[in-house]
Structure formats: structure tokens, C-alpha cells
Protein backbone atom coordinates (compact mmCIF):
# COMPACT_ATOMS: atom_id res chain seq x y z
CA MET A 1 0.04 0.06 0.07
CA GLY A 2 1.52 3.32 -1.07
CA VAL A 3 0.76 6.95 -0.09
CA THR A 4 0.71 9.85 -2.64
CA ILE A 5 1.18 13.33 -1.26
CA ASN A 6 0.22 16.32 -3.44
CA TYR A 7 1.81 19.37 -1.96
CA GLU A 8 1.05 22.84 -3.26
CA ARG A 9 3.18 25.57 -2.00
CA GLY A 10 1.04 28.52 -0.92
CA TYR A 11 1.80 31.88 0.59
CA ASP A 12 5.10 32.64 2.12
CA PRO A 13 5.12 33.51 5.73
CA THR A 14 4.36 37.11 6.82
CA VAL A 15 7.45 38.22 8.65
CA ASN A 16 7.37 41.63 10.21
CA HIS A 17 10.49 43.85 10.41
CA LYS A 18 11.67 44.85 13.76
CA VAL A 19 12.10 48.59 13.24
CA GLU A 20 8.77 49.07 11.67
CA THR A 21 7.03 46.73 14.23
CA ASP A 22 8.61 48.61 17.26
CA PHE A 23 7.49 51.95 15.62
CA VAL A 24 3.85 50.90 15.31
CA ARG A 25 3.93 49.33 18.81
CA ASP A 26 5.37 52.57 20.40
CA LEU A 27 2.65 54.53 18.52
CA ALA A 28 -0.15 52.27 19.62
CA VAL A 29 0.97 52.28 23.13
CA SER A 30 1.04 56.18 23.10
CA PHE A 31 -2.42 56.22 21.19
CA ALA A 32 -4.27 53.65 23.33
CA GLY A 33 -2.37 52.78 26.34
CA GLN A 34 -0.07 50.00 27.36
CA ASP A 35 -3.03 47.99 28.55
CA LYS A 36 -4.57 47.87 25.10
CA VAL A 37 -1.46 46.78 23.16
CA PHE A 38 -0.04 43.33 23.30
CA ASP A 39 2.03 40.87 21.07
CA LEU A 40 0.45 37.77 20.03
CA PRO A 41 1.62 34.84 22.35
CA ARG A 42 2.84 32.81 19.41
CA PRO A 43 3.01 33.00 15.56
CA MET A 44 -0.35 32.50 13.56
CA MET A 45 -0.58 30.00 10.80
CA GLY A 46 -3.06 31.92 8.61
CA SER A 47 -2.09 32.83 5.21
CA GLU A 48 -1.75 36.59 4.13
CA ASP A 49 -0.75 38.00 0.83
CA PHE A 50 0.83 40.96 2.66
CA GLY A 51 3.71 38.66 3.35
CA TYR A 52 4.72 39.33 -0.29
CA MET A 53 4.81 43.00 0.31
CA LEU A 54 6.93 42.58 3.44
CA ALA A 55 9.38 40.25 1.51
CA GLU A 56 10.03 43.41 -0.65
CA ARG A 57 9.75 46.33 1.61
CA PRO A 58 10.12 46.85 5.36
CA GLY A 59 6.90 47.02 7.26
CA THR A 60 4.72 45.32 9.81
CA TYR A 61 1.44 43.48 9.82
CA PHE A 62 -0.80 44.17 12.80
CA PHE A 63 -4.26 43.83 14.06
CA LEU A 64 -6.37 46.85 15.07
CA GLY A 65 -8.74 44.77 17.33
CA THR A 66 -12.34 45.05 16.40
CA GLN A 67 -14.04 42.58 18.72
CA ARG A 68 -16.50 44.06 21.26
CA THR A 69 -16.27 41.00 23.43
CA PRO A 70 -13.82 37.95 23.64
CA ASN A 71 -16.83 35.78 22.25
CA ASP A 72 -17.42 37.71 19.09
CA PRO A 73 -16.78 35.87 15.92
CA PRO A 74 -13.47 36.73 14.26
CA LEU A 75 -13.03 38.31 10.80
CA HIS A 76 -13.92 35.67 7.89
CA HIS A 77 -16.29 33.86 10.23
CA PRO A 78 -19.85 33.52 8.93
CA ARG A 79 -21.31 35.22 11.89
CA TYR A 80 -18.82 38.13 11.87
CA ASP A 81 -20.49 41.50 12.51
CA PHE A 82 -18.19 44.61 11.63
CA ASN A 83 -17.80 46.87 14.65
CA ASP A 84 -18.80 50.25 13.32
CA ASP A 85 -17.63 51.85 16.58
CA ILE A 86 -14.04 51.13 15.67
CA LEU A 87 -13.94 53.34 12.47
CA PRO A 88 -13.20 56.66 14.15
CA ILE A 89 -10.57 55.02 16.30
CA GLY A 90 -8.99 53.31 13.45
CA THR A 91 -9.10 56.15 11.19
CA THR A 92 -7.41 58.40 13.75
CA PHE A 93 -4.73 55.76 14.43
CA TRP A 94 -3.83 55.53 10.65
CA VAL A 95 -3.76 59.16 10.38
CA GLU A 96 -1.41 59.39 13.33
CA LEU A 97 0.79 56.53 11.98
CA ALA A 98 1.02 58.44 8.54
CA GLU A 99 1.82 61.72 10.24
CA ARG A 100 4.46 60.36 12.50
CA TYR A 101 6.08 58.18 9.77
CA LEU A 102 6.23 61.03 7.30
CA SER A 103 7.69 63.40 9.92
CA ARG A 104 10.58 61.23 10.87
CA SER A 105 14.02 62.53 10.28
């Protein structure tokens, strides 16, 4: 009895760059407070096409955090319900990120 394995190479891993990750983390702490910012306890196995961007240019992939409660279904779940309340917070954070990044010397 033999076994056949069909292996398809998918997306490469998404690997953040240290300088950019530290920049975003520092901004997030000053923006939202240390109690709202945390690193994931271990790497995630999801695929993400942003990994191709990070292979070419320095950057970082991060989560804004849109769940209202820990029991809310995550993004891509059939029962996911977008948290409209996060829009002004996310928009303000992205504006602050762009302004700080562009004003670096």
C-alpha cells in the first residue's frame, strides 16, 4: 500500500520587520495605552498576501482589534459583525501613523 502526497506551495510566511514593528507598537501604546497593546503569544498560521509586500519592503502587519467581546466571531467567520464603532478610532490611528512616519527625520 502506497501513499501519494500532493503538496502545493501556498503563500510565504508574513514576517514583520523589527524597526517598523517597534515603531507601530510605540505609537499604539502612546495612542491607546499599554493595557490595550500586546504581542500575540505565538505566531499564527494563517495565510496573508501582505507577506509578499513585506518580502520586498520593510513594514509590519498588525491587528487593530475590532471585537467588542472575547466571544465575538473573528473576521472571515460567517457570523462576523463588523464593529462600526472602531471606524473613528482606526481612522485616527492610521492618520497618526502616517503623520508620525512622514515626519521622521
